[in-house]
């Protein structure tokens, strides 16, 4: 039975890793859940409080960086409130359109929202591109946090 638990923990971590680059999945929280499950199955002998708090902090930092990067990318080019709402709507609609929709949805939504607000196609395009750049920066931050989480948990497991 314990082996099934470890298999479940590994599956959560692997799905979480996929979720780090696929916006539809909550990657970092899934990874955290897998690490907590593995630690619990081991009765917290290898990964204790300090390790789990560090993993939770990395999860929070990665999620916050992802959220803030998209907003700052759009705001850097003077995005209107409609552009920010458009990016949000594009993200939600993109969930139903597969991977291209997940990636391009916020860009298109921000561009449409900005165009509605200002009727300036050049500005709308700039805001859309800035939103996409913010998305890429946020994804890079999440990847960095995911790798740090793997290293922290692996180090705790190997060296304790």
Protein backbone atom coordinates (compact mmCIF):
# COMPACT_ATOMS: atom_id res chain seq x y z
CA UNK A 1 0.00 0.00 0.00
CA UNK A 2 2.86 2.37 0.78
CA UNK A 3 4.28 1.79 -2.69
CA UNK A 4 0.98 2.99 -4.20
CA UNK A 5 1.27 6.11 -2.06
CA UNK A 6 4.78 6.82 -3.34
CA UNK A 7 3.57 6.19 -6.87
CA UNK A 8 0.77 8.71 -6.29
CA UNK A 9 3.28 11.23 -4.90
CA UNK A 10 5.55 10.76 -7.92
CA UNK A 11 2.56 11.13 -10.25
CA UNK A 12 1.56 14.39 -8.54
CA UNK A 13 5.10 15.73 -8.94
CA UNK A 14 5.26 14.70 -12.62
CA UNK A 15 1.86 16.20 -13.43
CA UNK A 16 2.93 19.29 -11.51
CA UNK A 17 6.08 19.55 -13.61
CA UNK A 18 3.91 19.47 -16.72
CA UNK A 19 1.68 22.11 -15.16
CA UNK A 20 4.62 24.45 -14.71
CA UNK A 21 4.67 24.99 -18.48
CA UNK A 22 1.01 24.24 -19.24
CA UNK A 23 -1.10 27.07 -17.83
CA UNK A 24 -4.18 24.86 -17.41
CA UNK A 25 -2.63 22.86 -14.56
CA UNK A 26 -1.66 24.28 -11.15
CA UNK A 27 1.88 22.95 -11.46
CA UNK A 28 3.62 24.17 -8.32
CA UNK A 29 0.75 23.30 -5.93
CA UNK A 30 0.56 19.80 -7.45
CA UNK A 31 4.29 19.36 -6.94
CA UNK A 32 3.96 20.55 -3.35
CA UNK A 33 1.13 18.08 -2.76
CA UNK A 34 3.30 15.25 -4.11
CA UNK A 35 6.21 16.22 -1.89
CA UNK A 36 3.99 16.49 1.19
CA UNK A 37 2.47 13.08 0.43
CA UNK A 38 5.93 11.50 0.08
CA UNK A 39 7.08 13.13 3.32
CA UNK A 40 3.96 11.94 5.13
CA UNK A 41 4.41 8.39 3.84
CA UNK A 42 7.98 8.50 5.18
CA UNK A 43 6.64 9.86 8.49
CA UNK A 44 8.60 13.08 7.88
CA UNK A 45 11.93 11.36 8.54
CA UNK A 46 13.65 12.73 5.44
CA UNK A 47 11.62 15.84 4.70
CA UNK A 48 10.60 17.67 7.84
CA UNK A 49 9.17 21.03 8.76
CA UNK A 50 11.97 23.16 7.37
CA UNK A 51 11.92 21.35 4.04
CA UNK A 52 8.14 21.54 3.69
CA UNK A 53 8.00 25.22 4.68
CA UNK A 54 10.74 25.94 2.12
CA UNK A 55 8.75 24.07 -0.54
CA UNK A 56 5.57 25.96 0.37
CA UNK A 57 7.46 29.26 0.17
CA UNK A 58 8.85 28.37 -3.26
CA UNK A 59 5.33 27.47 -4.38
CA UNK A 60 3.99 30.83 -3.21
CA UNK A 61 6.88 32.77 -4.77
CA UNK A 62 6.50 30.98 -8.10
CA UNK A 63 2.75 31.54 -8.26
CA UNK A 64 3.07 35.19 -7.27
CA UNK A 65 5.86 35.78 -9.81
CA UNK A 66 3.74 34.23 -12.55
CA UNK A 67 0.77 36.44 -11.71
CA UNK A 68 2.77 39.63 -11.27
CA UNK A 69 4.89 39.13 -14.41
CA UNK A 70 1.82 39.09 -16.64
CA UNK A 71 0.40 42.21 -15.05
CA UNK A 72 3.70 44.08 -15.10
CA UNK A 73 4.27 43.12 -18.72
CA UNK A 74 0.94 44.63 -19.69
CA UNK A 75 1.29 47.64 -17.39
CA UNK A 76 4.79 48.42 -18.73
CA UNK A 77 3.18 49.45 -22.01
CA UNK A 78 0.34 51.37 -20.41
CA UNK A 79 -2.35 48.72 -20.64
CA UNK A 80 -5.85 49.87 -19.84
CA UNK A 81 -8.17 48.18 -17.37
CA UNK A 82 -10.02 46.67 -20.34
CA UNK A 83 -6.75 45.12 -21.57
CA UNK A 84 -6.18 43.47 -18.19
CA UNK A 85 -9.73 42.14 -18.17
CA UNK A 86 -9.26 41.04 -21.77
CA UNK A 87 -6.13 39.12 -20.83
CA UNK A 88 -8.06 37.42 -18.04
CA UNK A 89 -10.97 36.56 -20.36
CA UNK A 90 -8.52 35.33 -23.01
CA UNK A 91 -6.91 33.06 -20.42
CA UNK A 92 -10.25 31.56 -19.44
CA UNK A 93 -11.42 31.09 -23.03
CA UNK A 94 -7.99 29.72 -23.97
CA UNK A 95 -8.50 26.87 -21.49
CA UNK A 96 -11.04 25.38 -23.90
CA UNK A 97 -8.87 25.77 -27.01
CA UNK A 98 -5.94 23.57 -26.09
CA UNK A 99 -2.31 24.56 -25.84
CA UNK A 100 -2.43 27.29 -28.52
CA UNK A 101 -5.40 28.84 -26.73
CA UNK A 102 -3.60 28.70 -23.40
CA UNK A 103 -0.60 30.51 -24.79
CA UNK A 104 -2.25 32.92 -27.20
CA UNK A 105 -5.50 33.56 -25.28
CA UNK A 106 -4.08 36.19 -22.91
CA UNK A 107 -2.25 37.92 -25.77
CA UNK A 108 -5.36 38.12 -27.95
CA UNK A 109 -7.59 39.06 -25.01
CA UNK A 110 -5.28 41.88 -23.92
CA UNK A 111 -5.02 43.17 -27.48
CA UNK A 112 -8.79 43.13 -27.99
CA UNK A 113 -9.40 44.78 -24.62
CA UNK A 114 -6.85 47.50 -25.36
CA UNK A 115 -8.29 48.09 -28.82
CA UNK A 116 -11.79 48.45 -27.36
CA UNK A 117 -10.47 50.93 -24.80
CA UNK A 118 -8.35 53.11 -27.06
CA UNK A 119 -9.15 52.26 -30.70
CA UNK A 120 -5.41 52.22 -31.43
CA UNK A 121 -4.24 49.05 -33.20
CA UNK A 122 -0.54 49.78 -32.62
CA UNK A 123 -1.02 50.28 -28.88
CA UNK A 124 -3.21 47.16 -28.73
CA UNK A 125 -0.48 45.14 -30.43
CA UNK A 126 2.16 46.47 -28.05
CA UNK A 127 0.06 45.56 -25.03
CA UNK A 128 -0.60 42.10 -26.45
CA UNK A 129 3.10 41.46 -27.03
CA UNK A 130 3.98 42.83 -23.58
CA UNK A 131 1.41 40.48 -22.03
CA UNK A 132 2.99 37.56 -23.88
CA UNK A 133 6.47 38.58 -22.71
CA UNK A 134 5.13 38.76 -19.15
CA UNK A 135 3.69 35.27 -19.61
CA UNK A 136 7.11 33.98 -20.71
CA UNK A 137 8.87 35.64 -17.78
CA UNK A 138 6.30 34.21 -15.36
CA UNK A 139 6.76 30.75 -16.85
CA UNK A 140 10.54 31.06 -16.47
CA UNK A 141 10.06 32.01 -12.82
CA UNK A 142 7.80 28.99 -12.28
CA UNK A 143 10.34 26.68 -13.94
CA UNK A 144 13.06 28.06 -11.67
CA UNK A 145 10.92 27.51 -8.59
CA UNK A 146 10.03 23.98 -9.75
CA UNK A 147 13.70 23.10 -10.18
CA UNK A 148 14.50 24.59 -6.78
CA UNK A 149 11.70 22.51 -5.25
CA UNK A 150 13.11 19.34 -6.81
CA UNK A 151 16.57 20.17 -5.49
CA UNK A 152 15.34 21.01 -1.99
CA UNK A 153 13.27 17.83 -1.69
CA UNK A 154 15.93 15.67 -3.29
CA UNK A 155 18.59 17.10 -1.02
CA UNK A 156 16.45 16.58 2.06
CA UNK A 157 15.70 13.02 1.01
CA UNK A 158 19.33 12.14 0.23
CA UNK A 159 21.16 13.95 3.00
CA UNK A 160 18.98 13.46 6.06
